[in-house]
Amino acid sequence: MPSSKPILGLIGGVGSGKSLVARQFASLGCAVIDADQLARQALDRPAIREQLRQWWGPDVLDEAGRVDRRAMAQRVFSNPQELARLEGLIHPEVHAGRERLRGQYLADPDVVAIVEDCPLLLEKGIDAGCDVVVFIDAPRDVRLARVAASRGWAEAELDRREKNQWPLDKKVQRADYVIKNDAGVQECLTQTRRVLSQILHR
């Protein structure tokens, strides 16, 4: 889908650093569409909270009446049927938010490119609306250390999350560019800047 500005899709394993690279693209003049943020906003909507409570009972909400994401994750990531039901509820809201933001950013003269930061970019076919796909690469041990430090996940939890995504060897085959994120923030930024320059001058 050609557009007046390049649309970049980010892919990579859990803990590879897609959010870091997205922030780096943003610092270089790109606008980022963060699907996780849109999903969190959807979960804050009263109608969606109430639907989840009806499905899974009051334990899915915390003391403040908001969705307990950890409790929700425990219910869905080992149960494909429940995960599909949750996605059917949330994804239309996320899609509408993505379309709204994309239109806004395409019309903004200060935006040089649009970055789609979506965990299921390939799985949900969102890459079809991207001009290029960028794979963020990091070794498994590095990714495991990151999610253990930032999210408190054990290896089994990482495996459980990745089971619902395409395998990494299949993802990297779909990429137009690869950024290696295993040698520090500055080295990653150097690669991000180089990749963006190449995309803008295609």
Protein backbone atom coordinates (compact mmCIF):
# COMPACT_ATOMS: atom_id res chain seq x y z
CA MET A 1 0.00 0.00 0.00
CA PRO A 2 2.12 2.93 -1.19
CA SER A 3 1.61 6.16 0.71
CA SER A 4 3.01 9.67 0.76
CA LYS A 5 5.26 8.60 3.65
CA PRO A 6 6.86 5.22 4.22
CA ILE A 7 5.09 2.98 6.70
CA LEU A 8 7.45 0.73 8.65
CA GLY A 9 6.32 -2.42 10.41
CA LEU A 10 8.41 -3.61 13.38
CA ILE A 11 8.75 -7.32 14.13
CA GLY A 12 10.95 -9.41 16.42
CA GLY A 13 10.88 -11.81 19.33
CA VAL A 14 9.45 -10.97 22.74
CA GLY A 15 12.10 -8.93 24.56
CA SER A 16 14.04 -8.09 21.40
CA GLY A 17 13.62 -4.37 22.00
CA LYS A 18 10.92 -3.32 19.54
CA SER A 19 9.76 -0.59 21.92
CA LEU A 20 13.30 0.79 22.20
CA VAL A 21 13.69 0.89 18.42
CA ALA A 22 10.24 2.48 18.09
CA ARG A 23 11.32 5.25 20.50
CA GLN A 24 14.50 5.72 18.49
CA PHE A 25 12.53 6.05 15.26
CA ALA A 26 10.31 8.59 17.06
CA SER A 27 13.39 10.60 18.06
CA LEU A 28 14.33 10.74 14.36
CA GLY A 29 11.02 12.26 13.26
CA CYS A 30 8.78 9.22 12.87
CA ALA A 31 5.33 8.82 14.42
CA VAL A 32 4.73 5.52 16.20
CA ILE A 33 1.46 3.61 16.32
CA ASP A 34 1.73 1.50 19.48
CA ALA A 35 -0.76 -1.37 19.30
CA ASP A 36 -0.14 -2.37 22.92
CA GLN A 37 -1.01 1.13 24.08
CA LEU A 38 -4.19 1.09 22.01
CA ALA A 39 -5.09 -2.28 23.53
CA ARG A 40 -4.57 -0.90 27.05
CA GLN A 41 -6.85 2.02 26.19
CA ALA A 42 -9.48 -0.42 24.94
CA LEU A 43 -9.28 -2.40 28.19
CA ASP A 44 -10.05 0.80 30.10
CA ARG A 45 -13.40 1.21 28.33
CA PRO A 46 -16.30 0.40 30.69
CA ALA A 47 -18.16 -1.76 28.17
CA ILE A 48 -15.10 -3.95 27.58
CA ARG A 49 -14.33 -4.23 31.30
CA GLU A 50 -17.90 -5.32 31.92
CA GLN A 51 -17.77 -7.91 29.13
CA LEU A 52 -14.58 -9.43 30.57
CA ARG A 53 -16.17 -9.52 34.05
CA GLN A 54 -19.16 -11.38 32.64
CA TRP A 55 -16.90 -13.90 30.89
CA TRP A 56 -14.35 -14.51 33.62
CA GLY A 57 -15.79 -13.23 36.87
CA PRO A 58 -14.79 -10.40 39.21
CA ASP A 59 -11.22 -11.71 39.68
CA VAL A 60 -10.31 -10.33 36.25
CA LEU A 61 -10.66 -6.80 37.70
CA ASP A 62 -8.40 -5.25 40.33
CA GLU A 63 -9.49 -3.37 43.45
CA ALA A 64 -9.92 -0.17 41.43
CA GLY A 65 -12.24 -1.93 38.97
CA ARG A 66 -9.72 -1.94 36.12
CA VAL A 67 -8.66 -4.99 34.14
CA ASP A 68 -5.94 -6.97 35.92
CA ARG A 69 -3.69 -7.69 32.95
CA ARG A 70 -1.73 -10.39 34.77
CA ALA A 71 -4.91 -12.25 35.73
CA MET A 72 -6.20 -11.88 32.19
CA ALA A 73 -2.94 -13.18 30.70
CA GLN A 74 -3.08 -16.27 32.91
CA ARG A 75 -6.52 -17.06 31.49
CA VAL A 76 -5.78 -16.58 27.79
CA PHE A 77 -2.19 -17.43 26.92
CA SER A 78 -2.61 -21.16 27.60
CA ASN A 79 -6.13 -21.29 26.18
CA PRO A 80 -6.43 -20.61 22.44
CA GLN A 81 -10.23 -20.36 22.59
CA GLU A 82 -10.18 -17.71 25.31
CA LEU A 83 -7.37 -15.85 23.56
CA ALA A 84 -9.39 -15.79 20.34
CA ARG A 85 -12.42 -14.52 22.24
CA LEU A 86 -10.37 -11.72 23.82
CA GLU A 87 -8.83 -10.77 20.48
CA GLY A 88 -12.27 -10.68 18.88
CA LEU A 89 -13.30 -8.12 21.49
CA ILE A 90 -10.15 -5.98 21.54
CA HIS A 91 -8.76 -6.07 18.01
CA PRO A 92 -11.58 -4.11 16.32
CA GLU A 93 -10.97 -1.29 18.82
CA VAL A 94 -7.22 -1.41 18.18
CA HIS A 95 -7.74 -1.45 14.41
CA ALA A 96 -9.98 1.62 14.57
CA GLY A 97 -7.38 3.41 16.67
CA ARG A 98 -4.60 2.48 14.25
CA GLU A 99 -6.56 3.77 11.26
CA ARG A 100 -7.34 7.04 13.04
CA LEU A 101 -3.71 7.62 13.99
CA ARG A 102 -2.41 6.67 10.55
CA GLY A 103 -4.65 9.28 8.91
CA GLN A 104 -3.56 11.87 11.44
CA TYR A 105 0.15 11.16 10.92
CA LEU A 106 -0.09 11.05 7.12
CA ALA A 107 -1.54 14.57 7.24
CA ASP A 108 1.18 15.89 9.60
CA PRO A 109 4.01 17.57 7.62
CA ASP A 110 6.44 17.12 10.52
CA VAL A 111 6.20 13.31 10.38
CA VAL A 112 8.81 11.73 8.09
CA ALA A 113 7.56 8.14 8.38
CA ILE A 114 5.01 6.06 10.31
CA VAL A 115 6.06 3.10 12.46
CA GLU A 116 3.63 0.27 13.22
CA ASP A 117 4.72 -1.29 16.53
CA CYS A 118 2.36 -4.27 16.73
CA PRO A 119 3.26 -7.63 18.34
CA LEU A 120 1.08 -9.52 15.83
CA LEU A 121 2.04 -7.52 12.73
CA LEU A 122 2.56 -10.62 10.57
CA GLU A 123 0.07 -12.89 12.32
CA LYS A 124 -2.79 -10.44 11.68
CA GLY A 125 -1.68 -9.42 8.18
CA ILE A 126 -0.92 -5.82 9.17
CA ASP A 127 2.34 -6.03 7.21
CA ALA A 128 0.22 -5.87 4.04
CA GLY A 129 -0.31 -2.17 4.83
CA CYS A 130 3.39 -1.50 5.41
CA ASP A 131 5.95 -0.39 2.82
CA VAL A 132 8.84 -2.11 4.62
CA VAL A 133 9.25 -4.52 7.52
CA VAL A 134 12.10 -4.16 10.05
CA PHE A 135 13.16 -7.15 12.17
CA ILE A 136 14.68 -6.44 15.60
CA ASP A 137 17.16 -9.22 16.34
CA ALA A 138 18.47 -10.23 19.78
CA PRO A 139 19.69 -13.62 21.04
CA ARG A 140 17.33 -15.68 23.17
CA ASP A 141 19.46 -15.40 26.32
CA VAL A 142 19.47 -11.60 26.00
CA ARG A 143 15.71 -11.51 25.47
CA LEU A 144 15.11 -13.81 28.44
CA ALA A 145 17.28 -11.63 30.69
CA ARG A 146 15.35 -8.53 29.58
CA VAL A 147 11.88 -9.92 30.24
CA ALA A 148 13.03 -11.37 33.57
CA ALA A 149 14.31 -7.95 34.63
CA SER A 150 11.49 -5.80 33.22
CA ARG A 151 8.46 -8.07 33.60
CA GLY A 152 9.49 -10.70 36.12
CA TRP A 153 8.96 -13.52 33.62
CA ALA A 154 10.55 -16.94 33.91
CA GLU A 155 11.59 -18.84 30.79
CA ALA A 156 8.29 -20.77 30.75
CA GLU A 157 6.34 -17.51 30.50
CA LEU A 158 8.46 -16.32 27.57
CA ASP A 159 7.82 -19.64 25.83
CA ARG A 160 4.09 -19.38 26.52
CA ARG A 161 3.89 -15.90 24.96
CA GLU A 162 5.99 -16.76 21.93
CA LYS A 163 3.90 -19.86 21.23
CA ASN A 164 1.15 -17.53 19.99
CA GLN A 165 3.46 -15.82 17.47
CA TRP A 166 5.23 -16.88 14.31
CA PRO A 167 8.65 -18.53 14.83
CA LEU A 168 11.56 -16.10 14.52
CA ASP A 169 13.11 -17.79 11.49
CA LYS A 170 9.84 -17.26 9.63
CA LYS A 171 9.63 -13.64 10.79
CA VAL A 172 13.13 -12.71 9.66
CA GLN A 173 12.42 -14.08 6.18
CA ARG A 174 9.68 -11.44 5.83
CA ALA A 175 11.96 -8.56 6.82
CA ASP A 176 13.41 -5.95 4.48
CA TYR A 177 15.86 -4.71 7.13
CA VAL A 178 17.40 -6.16 10.31
CA ILE A 179 18.51 -4.17 13.37
CA LYS A 180 20.65 -6.08 15.88
CA ASN A 181 19.85 -5.01 19.43
CA ASP A 182 22.41 -6.83 21.57
CA ALA A 183 25.27 -4.33 21.94
CA GLY A 184 23.83 -1.34 23.79
CA VAL A 185 21.49 1.56 23.10
CA GLN A 186 23.94 3.70 21.12
CA GLU A 187 24.88 0.91 18.72
CA CYS A 188 21.18 0.19 18.23
CA LEU A 189 20.50 3.88 17.52
CA THR A 190 23.29 3.95 14.92
CA GLN A 191 21.61 1.07 13.08
CA THR A 192 18.14 2.60 13.45
CA ARG A 193 19.36 5.88 11.98
CA ARG A 194 21.04 4.06 9.08
CA VAL A 195 17.95 1.96 8.33
CA LEU A 196 15.66 5.02 8.37
CA SER A 197 18.00 6.89 6.04
CA GLN A 198 17.98 3.98 3.59
CA ILE A 199 14.18 3.75 3.72
CA LEU A 200 13.69 7.48 3.16
CA HIS A 201 16.03 7.40 0.15
CA ARG A 202 14.60 4.29 -1.51
